[in-house]
């Protein structure tokens, strides 16, 4: 997932104004988050990598974190407690049934188990020691933190 998307209020996972984090399906479920800038940087690195990478999946990431870890990051960053609400699969499916045209309901289900995540150790950037921006660093750069 693009890191900034995690913080979109209309996506609903993180609401900074209300200091709330919603976990999708489980607090231990992971998300792989990567900033747009890192995706661009790593795409260039992969394109010009020698030997040439062909016909294979290339994993990249800024950070892979559980929803629990995301909540802990936000609490540390804001120096306050965030309300934690679990949106289990039943809730997510019911939301989609009640509003099937809502793309966010569909998108939230994509990131439930098994979702879209992979360990940092499997990433191209980890293997090649290319630094990327994690959640805390991205938030410090891009969000208005008091």
C-alpha atoms as a PDB file:
ATOM      1  CA  UNK A   1       0.000   0.000   0.000  1.00  0.00           C
ATOM      2  CA  UNK A   2       1.212   3.507  -0.669  1.00  0.00           C
ATOM      3  CA  UNK A   3       2.051   4.944   2.749  1.00  0.00           C
ATOM      4  CA  UNK A   4       0.041   8.130   2.273  1.00  0.00           C
ATOM      5  CA  UNK A   5      -3.096   6.085   1.599  1.00  0.00           C
ATOM      6  CA  UNK A   6      -2.962   4.710   5.137  1.00  0.00           C
ATOM      7  CA  UNK A   7      -3.545   8.257   6.394  1.00  0.00           C
ATOM      8  CA  UNK A   8      -6.437   9.169   4.083  1.00  0.00           C
ATOM      9  CA  UNK A   9      -9.360   9.979   6.331  1.00  0.00           C
ATOM     10  CA  UNK A  10     -11.835   8.581   3.774  1.00  0.00           C
ATOM     11  CA  UNK A  11      -9.992   5.244   3.721  1.00  0.00           C
ATOM     12  CA  UNK A  12     -10.752   5.021   7.412  1.00  0.00           C
ATOM     13  CA  UNK A  13      -7.821   3.061   8.818  1.00  0.00           C
ATOM     14  CA  UNK A  14      -6.128   6.020  10.492  1.00  0.00           C
ATOM     15  CA  UNK A  15      -8.039   9.057  11.663  1.00  0.00           C
ATOM     16  CA  UNK A  16      -5.580  11.538  13.122  1.00  0.00           C
ATOM     17  CA  UNK A  17      -8.246  14.091  14.073  1.00  0.00           C
ATOM     18  CA  UNK A  18     -10.094  11.529  16.227  1.00  0.00           C
ATOM     19  CA  UNK A  19      -6.909   9.664  17.212  1.00  0.00           C
ATOM     20  CA  UNK A  20      -8.304   6.347  16.013  1.00  0.00           C
ATOM     21  CA  UNK A  21      -6.748   3.339  14.289  1.00  0.00           C
ATOM     22  CA  UNK A  22      -8.913   0.656  12.689  1.00  0.00           C
ATOM     23  CA  UNK A  23      -7.308  -2.741  12.146  1.00  0.00           C
ATOM     24  CA  UNK A  24      -8.452  -4.653   9.069  1.00  0.00           C
ATOM     25  CA  UNK A  25      -9.382  -8.211  10.156  1.00  0.00           C
ATOM     26  CA  UNK A  26      -6.720  -8.549  12.885  1.00  0.00           C
ATOM     27  CA  UNK A  27      -4.313  -6.444  14.936  1.00  0.00           C
ATOM     28  CA  UNK A  28      -1.539  -8.888  13.988  1.00  0.00           C
ATOM     29  CA  UNK A  29      -2.226  -8.682  10.271  1.00  0.00           C
ATOM     30  CA  UNK A  30       0.538  -6.873   8.368  1.00  0.00           C
ATOM     31  CA  UNK A  31       0.610  -4.154   5.752  1.00  0.00           C
ATOM     32  CA  UNK A  32       3.529  -3.442   3.491  1.00  0.00           C
ATOM     33  CA  UNK A  33       3.761   0.318   3.110  1.00  0.00           C
ATOM     34  CA  UNK A  34       5.915   2.223   0.625  1.00  0.00           C
ATOM     35  CA  UNK A  35       6.039   5.932  -0.141  1.00  0.00           C
ATOM     36  CA  UNK A  36       5.470   7.148  -3.695  1.00  0.00           C
ATOM     37  CA  UNK A  37       8.981   8.597  -3.712  1.00  0.00           C
ATOM     38  CA  UNK A  38      10.495   5.253  -2.710  1.00  0.00           C
ATOM     39  CA  UNK A  39       8.462   3.410  -5.333  1.00  0.00           C
ATOM     40  CA  UNK A  40       9.866   5.753  -7.984  1.00  0.00           C
ATOM     41  CA  UNK A  41      13.428   5.508  -6.662  1.00  0.00           C
ATOM     42  CA  UNK A  42      13.331   1.715  -6.407  1.00  0.00           C
ATOM     43  CA  UNK A  43      11.723   1.302  -9.832  1.00  0.00           C
ATOM     44  CA  UNK A  44      14.702   3.138 -11.364  1.00  0.00           C
ATOM     45  CA  UNK A  45      17.117   0.984  -9.350  1.00  0.00           C
ATOM     46  CA  UNK A  46      15.412  -2.207 -10.550  1.00  0.00           C
ATOM     47  CA  UNK A  47      15.293  -1.033 -14.189  1.00  0.00           C
ATOM     48  CA  UNK A  48      19.039  -0.367 -14.275  1.00  0.00           C
ATOM     49  CA  UNK A  49      20.116  -3.232 -12.024  1.00  0.00           C
ATOM     50  CA  UNK A  50      22.856  -5.528 -13.338  1.00  0.00           C
ATOM     51  CA  UNK A  51      22.342  -8.322 -14.069  1.00  0.00           C
ATOM     52  CA  UNK A  52      19.025  -7.312 -15.626  1.00  0.00           C
ATOM     53  CA  UNK A  53      15.959  -8.468 -13.723  1.00  0.00           C
ATOM     54  CA  UNK A  54      13.474 -10.069 -16.090  1.00  0.00           C
ATOM     55  CA  UNK A  55      10.225 -12.005 -15.674  1.00  0.00           C
ATOM     56  CA  UNK A  56      10.175 -12.070 -11.904  1.00  0.00           C
ATOM     57  CA  UNK A  57       8.364 -10.341  -9.082  1.00  0.00           C
ATOM     58  CA  UNK A  58      10.457  -7.701  -7.345  1.00  0.00           C
ATOM     59  CA  UNK A  59       9.340  -6.854  -3.825  1.00  0.00           C
ATOM     60  CA  UNK A  60      10.013  -3.394  -2.385  1.00  0.00           C
ATOM     61  CA  UNK A  61       8.907  -1.793   0.856  1.00  0.00           C
ATOM     62  CA  UNK A  62       9.330   1.140   3.137  1.00  0.00           C
ATOM     63  CA  UNK A  63       8.102  -0.880   6.092  1.00  0.00           C
ATOM     64  CA  UNK A  64       6.011  -3.944   6.819  1.00  0.00           C
ATOM     65  CA  UNK A  65       4.100  -3.512  10.066  1.00  0.00           C
ATOM     66  CA  UNK A  66       1.164  -5.017  11.923  1.00  0.00           C
ATOM     67  CA  UNK A  67      -1.832  -2.836  12.660  1.00  0.00           C
ATOM     68  CA  UNK A  68      -0.729  -3.030  16.295  1.00  0.00           C
ATOM     69  CA  UNK A  69       2.697  -1.633  15.355  1.00  0.00           C
ATOM     70  CA  UNK A  70       1.061   1.124  13.302  1.00  0.00           C
ATOM     71  CA  UNK A  71      -0.981   2.162  16.361  1.00  0.00           C
ATOM     72  CA  UNK A  72       2.145   2.126  18.550  1.00  0.00           C
ATOM     73  CA  UNK A  73       4.014   4.288  15.972  1.00  0.00           C
ATOM     74  CA  UNK A  74       1.197   6.836  15.939  1.00  0.00           C
ATOM     75  CA  UNK A  75       0.969   6.952  19.728  1.00  0.00           C
ATOM     76  CA  UNK A  76       4.714   7.534  19.993  1.00  0.00           C
ATOM     77  CA  UNK A  77       4.622  10.210  17.323  1.00  0.00           C
ATOM     78  CA  UNK A  78       1.689  12.061  18.893  1.00  0.00           C
ATOM     79  CA  UNK A  79       2.658  11.299  22.489  1.00  0.00           C
ATOM     80  CA  UNK A  80      -0.922  10.261  23.215  1.00  0.00           C
ATOM     81  CA  UNK A  81      -3.193   7.228  23.181  1.00  0.00           C
ATOM     82  CA  UNK A  82      -5.093   6.271  20.040  1.00  0.00           C
ATOM     83  CA  UNK A  83      -8.430   4.485  20.201  1.00  0.00           C
ATOM     84  CA  UNK A  84      -8.111   1.038  18.606  1.00  0.00           C
ATOM     85  CA  UNK A  85     -11.049  -0.492  16.782  1.00  0.00           C
ATOM     86  CA  UNK A  86     -11.003  -3.857  15.038  1.00  0.00           C
ATOM     87  CA  UNK A  87     -12.948  -4.088  11.792  1.00  0.00           C
ATOM     88  CA  UNK A  88     -13.276  -7.868  11.499  1.00  0.00           C
ATOM     89  CA  UNK A  89     -14.014  -9.555   8.171  1.00  0.00           C
ATOM     90  CA  UNK A  90     -17.715  -9.786   9.016  1.00  0.00           C
ATOM     91  CA  UNK A  91     -17.891  -6.010   9.518  1.00  0.00           C
ATOM     92  CA  UNK A  92     -15.899  -5.347   6.337  1.00  0.00           C
ATOM     93  CA  UNK A  93     -18.108  -7.661   4.278  1.00  0.00           C
ATOM     94  CA  UNK A  94     -21.290  -6.131   5.719  1.00  0.00           C
ATOM     95  CA  UNK A  95     -19.997  -2.654   4.872  1.00  0.00           C
ATOM     96  CA  UNK A  96     -19.410  -3.735   1.301  1.00  0.00           C
ATOM     97  CA  UNK A  97     -22.865  -5.334   1.047  1.00  0.00           C
ATOM     98  CA  UNK A  98     -24.522  -2.162   2.335  1.00  0.00           C
ATOM     99  CA  UNK A  99     -22.633   0.051  -0.134  1.00  0.00           C
ATOM    100  CA  UNK A 100     -21.251  -2.130  -2.979  1.00  0.00           C
ATOM    101  CA  UNK A 101     -20.201   0.850  -5.121  1.00  0.00           C
ATOM    102  CA  UNK A 102     -17.899   2.230  -2.424  1.00  0.00           C
ATOM    103  CA  UNK A 103     -14.357   1.559  -3.599  1.00  0.00           C
ATOM    104  CA  UNK A 104     -12.931   1.975  -0.097  1.00  0.00           C
ATOM    105  CA  UNK A 105     -15.018  -0.948   1.189  1.00  0.00           C
ATOM    106  CA  UNK A 106     -13.544  -3.104  -1.580  1.00  0.00           C
ATOM    107  CA  UNK A 107     -10.033  -1.818  -1.009  1.00  0.00           C
ATOM    108  CA  UNK A 108     -10.146  -2.510   2.743  1.00  0.00           C
ATOM    109  CA  UNK A 109     -11.023  -6.152   2.036  1.00  0.00           C
ATOM    110  CA  UNK A 110      -7.988  -6.476  -0.258  1.00  0.00           C
ATOM    111  CA  UNK A 111      -5.773  -5.749   2.732  1.00  0.00           C
ATOM    112  CA  UNK A 112      -7.254  -8.423   4.995  1.00  0.00           C
ATOM    113  CA  UNK A 113      -5.817 -11.913   5.342  1.00  0.00           C
ATOM    114  CA  UNK A 114      -3.842 -12.904   3.307  1.00  0.00           C
ATOM    115  CA  UNK A 115      -3.684  -9.287   2.125  1.00  0.00           C
ATOM    116  CA  UNK A 116      -0.766  -7.651   0.434  1.00  0.00           C
ATOM    117  CA  UNK A 117       2.383  -7.789   2.516  1.00  0.00           C
ATOM    118  CA  UNK A 118       5.812  -9.352   2.541  1.00  0.00           C
ATOM    119  CA  UNK A 119       8.749  -9.405   4.951  1.00  0.00           C
ATOM    120  CA  UNK A 120      11.326  -6.626   4.575  1.00  0.00           C
ATOM    121  CA  UNK A 121      14.055  -9.270   4.253  1.00  0.00           C
ATOM    122  CA  UNK A 122      12.492 -10.356   0.934  1.00  0.00           C
ATOM    123  CA  UNK A 123      12.703  -6.886  -0.586  1.00  0.00           C
ATOM    124  CA  UNK A 124      15.049  -5.674  -3.276  1.00  0.00           C
ATOM    125  CA  UNK A 125      15.867  -2.582  -1.224  1.00  0.00           C
ATOM    126  CA  UNK A 126      16.799  -4.643   1.842  1.00  0.00           C
ATOM    127  CA  UNK A 127      18.974  -6.977  -0.205  1.00  0.00           C
ATOM    128  CA  UNK A 128      20.727  -4.052  -1.933  1.00  0.00           C
ATOM    129  CA  UNK A 129      20.926  -1.850   1.216  1.00  0.00           C
ATOM    130  CA  UNK A 130      18.860   0.928  -0.358  1.00  0.00           C
ATOM    131  CA  UNK A 131      17.306   3.061   2.383  1.00  0.00           C
ATOM    132  CA  UNK A 132      13.565   3.689   2.309  1.00  0.00           C
ATOM    133  CA  UNK A 133      11.182   5.711   4.443  1.00  0.00           C
ATOM    134  CA  UNK A 134       9.206   3.900   7.149  1.00  0.00           C
ATOM    135  CA  UNK A 135       5.905   4.957   8.684  1.00  0.00           C
ATOM    136  CA  UNK A 136       7.333   7.188  11.428  1.00  0.00           C
ATOM    137  CA  UNK A 137       9.733   8.999   9.141  1.00  0.00           C
ATOM    138  CA  UNK A 138       7.048   9.452   6.463  1.00  0.00           C
ATOM    139  CA  UNK A 139       4.606  10.853   9.028  1.00  0.00           C
ATOM    140  CA  UNK A 140       7.188  13.282  10.458  1.00  0.00           C
ATOM    141  CA  UNK A 141       7.895  14.608   6.952  1.00  0.00           C
ATOM    142  CA  UNK A 142       4.355  14.721   5.591  1.00  0.00           C
ATOM    143  CA  UNK A 143       1.897  15.222   8.457  1.00  0.00           C
ATOM    144  CA  UNK A 144       1.304  18.245  10.638  1.00  0.00           C
ATOM    145  CA  UNK A 145       2.414  16.846  13.978  1.00  0.00           C
ATOM    146  CA  UNK A 146       2.159  19.204  16.934  1.00  0.00           C
END
